[in-house]
Amino acid sequence: MTLGPVAGAVAAIARDDPDRIALIHRDEPVSYARLDEAARRMAGWLLRQGVRPGEMVGLTLRDDVLHLTVALALLRLGCGQVALASHETAAMRAETAARLGVRTLLADSDADSLPGLALLTPDATGPAPDIRPE
């Protein structure tokens, strides 16, 4: 599977310069190797949950690093994605999801669910490794 430009670039840096800092989270550096590993593991978890390449997926995730990890995982899978912001009304999020053909929603909790969409609640400490520095 071709990763595409963004996920491919992250994977290439993780391979060629694994200790390079990808981001700072809560004042701690996170390497490209750790970020890429988290995205790869998240992609595997998403596949096991039934998300398929090419699917359009909605995201209502408040944690920035979890959101980034899921977004990279979806890019690895070739999925489309749209942020359905938690500060928007449920009706507005549902209308956007319907217009874009979203079938699955990745969200923080059951409270974020939308009618007619499969709900998955990823956890940065569950399906993907905790990406805090060791």
C-alpha atoms as a PDB file:
ATOM      1  CA  MET A   1       0.000   0.000   0.000  1.00  0.00           C
ATOM      2  CA  THR A   2       1.356   3.424  -0.944  1.00  0.00           C
ATOM      3  CA  LEU A   3       1.381   5.747   2.040  1.00  0.00           C
ATOM      4  CA  GLY A   4       0.911   9.023   0.218  1.00  0.00           C
ATOM      5  CA  PRO A   5       2.991  12.167   0.679  1.00  0.00           C
ATOM      6  CA  VAL A   6       2.332  13.000   4.345  1.00  0.00           C
ATOM      7  CA  ALA A   7       2.331   9.526   5.906  1.00  0.00           C
ATOM      8  CA  GLY A   8       5.173   8.554   3.575  1.00  0.00           C
ATOM      9  CA  ALA A   9       7.265  11.526   4.689  1.00  0.00           C
ATOM     10  CA  VAL A  10       6.704  10.694   8.363  1.00  0.00           C
ATOM     11  CA  ALA A  11       7.638   7.050   7.736  1.00  0.00           C
ATOM     12  CA  ALA A  12      10.750   8.055   5.765  1.00  0.00           C
ATOM     13  CA  ILE A  13      11.999  10.375   8.504  1.00  0.00           C
ATOM     14  CA  ALA A  14      11.242   7.697  11.126  1.00  0.00           C
ATOM     15  CA  ARG A  15      13.343   5.245   9.108  1.00  0.00           C
ATOM     16  CA  ASP A  16      16.206   7.598   8.188  1.00  0.00           C
ATOM     17  CA  ASP A  17      16.416   9.770  11.315  1.00  0.00           C
ATOM     18  CA  PRO A  18      14.352   7.990  13.998  1.00  0.00           C
ATOM     19  CA  ASP A  19      15.395  10.223  16.885  1.00  0.00           C
ATOM     20  CA  ARG A  20      14.459  13.435  15.080  1.00  0.00           C
ATOM     21  CA  ILE A  21      11.826  15.326  17.051  1.00  0.00           C
ATOM     22  CA  ALA A  22       8.403  15.318  15.389  1.00  0.00           C
ATOM     23  CA  LEU A  23       6.553  17.291  18.037  1.00  0.00           C
ATOM     24  CA  ILE A  24       6.642  18.513  21.599  1.00  0.00           C
ATOM     25  CA  HIS A  25       3.827  17.197  23.788  1.00  0.00           C
ATOM     26  CA  ARG A  26       3.417  18.542  27.303  1.00  0.00           C
ATOM     27  CA  ASP A  27       6.965  19.907  27.167  1.00  0.00           C
ATOM     28  CA  GLU A  28       8.378  16.519  26.143  1.00  0.00           C
ATOM     29  CA  PRO A  29       9.829  15.674  22.718  1.00  0.00           C
ATOM     30  CA  VAL A  30       8.252  12.884  20.675  1.00  0.00           C
ATOM     31  CA  SER A  31      10.434  11.325  17.987  1.00  0.00           C
ATOM     32  CA  TYR A  32       9.359  10.509  14.469  1.00  0.00           C
ATOM     33  CA  ALA A  33       9.998   6.846  15.252  1.00  0.00           C
ATOM     34  CA  ARG A  34       7.521   6.909  18.158  1.00  0.00           C
ATOM     35  CA  LEU A  35       4.940   8.880  16.144  1.00  0.00           C
ATOM     36  CA  ASP A  36       5.223   6.562  13.157  1.00  0.00           C
ATOM     37  CA  GLU A  37       4.955   3.470  15.370  1.00  0.00           C
ATOM     38  CA  ALA A  38       1.851   4.919  17.020  1.00  0.00           C
ATOM     39  CA  ALA A  39       0.290   5.620  13.597  1.00  0.00           C
ATOM     40  CA  ARG A  40       1.129   2.115  12.331  1.00  0.00           C
ATOM     41  CA  ARG A  41      -0.380   0.467  15.387  1.00  0.00           C
ATOM     42  CA  MET A  42      -3.443   2.718  15.214  1.00  0.00           C
ATOM     43  CA  ALA A  43      -3.906   1.802  11.533  1.00  0.00           C
ATOM     44  CA  GLY A  44      -3.887  -1.881  12.493  1.00  0.00           C
ATOM     45  CA  TRP A  45      -6.432  -1.251  15.242  1.00  0.00           C
ATOM     46  CA  LEU A  46      -8.666   0.670  12.822  1.00  0.00           C
ATOM     47  CA  LEU A  47      -8.565  -2.208  10.333  1.00  0.00           C
ATOM     48  CA  ARG A  48      -9.492  -4.673  13.093  1.00  0.00           C
ATOM     49  CA  GLN A  49     -12.453  -2.415  13.969  1.00  0.00           C
ATOM     50  CA  GLY A  50     -13.732  -2.571  10.385  1.00  0.00           C
ATOM     51  CA  VAL A  51     -12.438   0.696   8.909  1.00  0.00           C
ATOM     52  CA  ARG A  52     -11.553   0.022   5.278  1.00  0.00           C
ATOM     53  CA  PRO A  53      -9.249   1.813   2.823  1.00  0.00           C
ATOM     54  CA  GLY A  54     -11.090   4.498   0.896  1.00  0.00           C
ATOM     55  CA  GLU A  55     -13.712   4.992   3.606  1.00  0.00           C
ATOM     56  CA  MET A  56     -14.593   8.539   4.733  1.00  0.00           C
ATOM     57  CA  VAL A  57     -14.130   8.850   8.498  1.00  0.00           C
ATOM     58  CA  GLY A  58     -15.189  11.642  10.857  1.00  0.00           C
ATOM     59  CA  LEU A  59     -12.990  12.752  13.773  1.00  0.00           C
ATOM     60  CA  THR A  60     -14.171  14.331  17.013  1.00  0.00           C
ATOM     61  CA  LEU A  61     -11.009  13.993  19.081  1.00  0.00           C
ATOM     62  CA  ARG A  62     -10.013  16.653  21.579  1.00  0.00           C
ATOM     63  CA  ASP A  63      -6.509  15.381  22.370  1.00  0.00           C
ATOM     64  CA  ASP A  64      -4.123  16.858  19.791  1.00  0.00           C
ATOM     65  CA  VAL A  65      -1.645  13.963  19.780  1.00  0.00           C
ATOM     66  CA  LEU A  66      -4.380  11.336  19.563  1.00  0.00           C
ATOM     67  CA  HIS A  67      -5.982  13.312  16.720  1.00  0.00           C
ATOM     68  CA  LEU A  68      -2.632  13.488  14.893  1.00  0.00           C
ATOM     69  CA  THR A  69      -1.988   9.773  15.442  1.00  0.00           C
ATOM     70  CA  VAL A  70      -5.430   8.829  14.112  1.00  0.00           C
ATOM     71  CA  ALA A  71      -5.094  11.227  11.157  1.00  0.00           C
ATOM     72  CA  LEU A  72      -1.748   9.668  10.187  1.00  0.00           C
ATOM     73  CA  ALA A  73      -3.201   6.177  10.613  1.00  0.00           C
ATOM     74  CA  LEU A  74      -6.110   7.044   8.324  1.00  0.00           C
ATOM     75  CA  LEU A  75      -3.699   8.467   5.750  1.00  0.00           C
ATOM     76  CA  ARG A  76      -1.748   5.191   5.900  1.00  0.00           C
ATOM     77  CA  LEU A  77      -5.003   3.362   5.122  1.00  0.00           C
ATOM     78  CA  GLY A  78      -5.965   5.683   2.277  1.00  0.00           C
ATOM     79  CA  CYS A  79      -9.064   6.880   4.095  1.00  0.00           C
ATOM     80  CA  GLY A  80     -10.652  10.274   3.699  1.00  0.00           C
ATOM     81  CA  GLN A  81     -11.198  12.186   6.897  1.00  0.00           C
ATOM     82  CA  VAL A  82     -13.007  15.234   8.174  1.00  0.00           C
ATOM     83  CA  ALA A  83     -12.814  16.959  11.543  1.00  0.00           C
ATOM     84  CA  LEU A  84     -16.267  17.202  13.102  1.00  0.00           C
ATOM     85  CA  ALA A  85     -15.438  19.741  15.786  1.00  0.00           C
ATOM     86  CA  SER A  86     -16.696  19.092  19.297  1.00  0.00           C
ATOM     87  CA  HIS A  87     -17.741  22.730  19.664  1.00  0.00           C
ATOM     88  CA  GLU A  88     -20.230  22.390  16.782  1.00  0.00           C
ATOM     89  CA  THR A  89     -23.786  21.255  17.444  1.00  0.00           C
ATOM     90  CA  ALA A  90     -24.641  17.609  16.900  1.00  0.00           C
ATOM     91  CA  ALA A  91     -26.984  18.660  14.084  1.00  0.00           C
ATOM     92  CA  MET A  92     -24.217  20.546  12.303  1.00  0.00           C
ATOM     93  CA  ARG A  93     -21.765  17.669  12.725  1.00  0.00           C
ATOM     94  CA  ALA A  94     -24.389  15.186  11.477  1.00  0.00           C
ATOM     95  CA  GLU A  95     -25.180  17.325   8.412  1.00  0.00           C
ATOM     96  CA  THR A  96     -21.494  17.600   7.513  1.00  0.00           C
ATOM     97  CA  ALA A  97     -21.005  13.858   8.019  1.00  0.00           C
ATOM     98  CA  ALA A  98     -24.012  13.040   5.822  1.00  0.00           C
ATOM     99  CA  ARG A  99     -22.922  15.443   3.076  1.00  0.00           C
ATOM    100  CA  LEU A 100     -19.426  13.899   2.970  1.00  0.00           C
ATOM    101  CA  GLY A 101     -20.513  10.271   3.216  1.00  0.00           C
ATOM    102  CA  VAL A 102     -18.992   9.574   6.631  1.00  0.00           C
ATOM    103  CA  ARG A 103     -19.814   6.053   7.845  1.00  0.00           C
ATOM    104  CA  THR A 104     -17.560   5.850  10.899  1.00  0.00           C
ATOM    105  CA  LEU A 105     -16.937   8.408  13.637  1.00  0.00           C
ATOM    106  CA  LEU A 106     -13.799   8.293  15.777  1.00  0.00           C
ATOM    107  CA  ALA A 107     -14.638  10.208  18.919  1.00  0.00           C
ATOM    108  CA  ASP A 108     -13.676  10.659  22.549  1.00  0.00           C
ATOM    109  CA  SER A 109     -16.829   9.185  24.049  1.00  0.00           C
ATOM    110  CA  ASP A 110     -20.352   7.907  23.466  1.00  0.00           C
ATOM    111  CA  ALA A 111     -21.555  11.469  24.102  1.00  0.00           C
ATOM    112  CA  ASP A 112     -20.028  12.464  20.738  1.00  0.00           C
ATOM    113  CA  SER A 113     -21.958   9.812  18.772  1.00  0.00           C
ATOM    114  CA  LEU A 114     -24.079  10.731  15.780  1.00  0.00           C
ATOM    115  CA  PRO A 115     -27.150   8.850  14.497  1.00  0.00           C
ATOM    116  CA  GLY A 116     -26.422   6.309  11.792  1.00  0.00           C
ATOM    117  CA  LEU A 117     -22.637   6.332  12.234  1.00  0.00           C
ATOM    118  CA  ALA A 118     -20.513   3.553  13.661  1.00  0.00           C
ATOM    119  CA  LEU A 119     -18.696   4.960  16.711  1.00  0.00           C
ATOM    120  CA  LEU A 120     -15.133   4.048  17.610  1.00  0.00           C
ATOM    121  CA  THR A 121     -13.378   5.478  20.642  1.00  0.00           C
ATOM    122  CA  PRO A 122      -9.611   5.187  20.195  1.00  0.00           C
ATOM    123  CA  ASP A 123      -7.363   5.578  23.188  1.00  0.00           C
ATOM    124  CA  ALA A 124      -3.764   6.738  22.938  1.00  0.00           C
ATOM    125  CA  THR A 125      -2.816   4.305  25.688  1.00  0.00           C
ATOM    126  CA  GLY A 126      -4.773   1.397  24.184  1.00  0.00           C
ATOM    127  CA  PRO A 127      -4.554   0.564  20.495  1.00  0.00           C
ATOM    128  CA  ALA A 128      -1.561   2.823  19.913  1.00  0.00           C
ATOM    129  CA  PRO A 129       1.383   2.922  22.267  1.00  0.00           C
ATOM    130  CA  ASP A 130       1.716   5.683  24.787  1.00  0.00           C
ATOM    131  CA  ILE A 131       3.897   8.094  22.830  1.00  0.00           C
ATOM    132  CA  ARG A 132       5.309   9.953  25.787  1.00  0.00           C
ATOM    133  CA  PRO A 133       9.086   9.790  25.946  1.00  0.00           C
ATOM    134  CA  GLU A 134      10.532   6.778  27.699  1.00  0.00           C
END
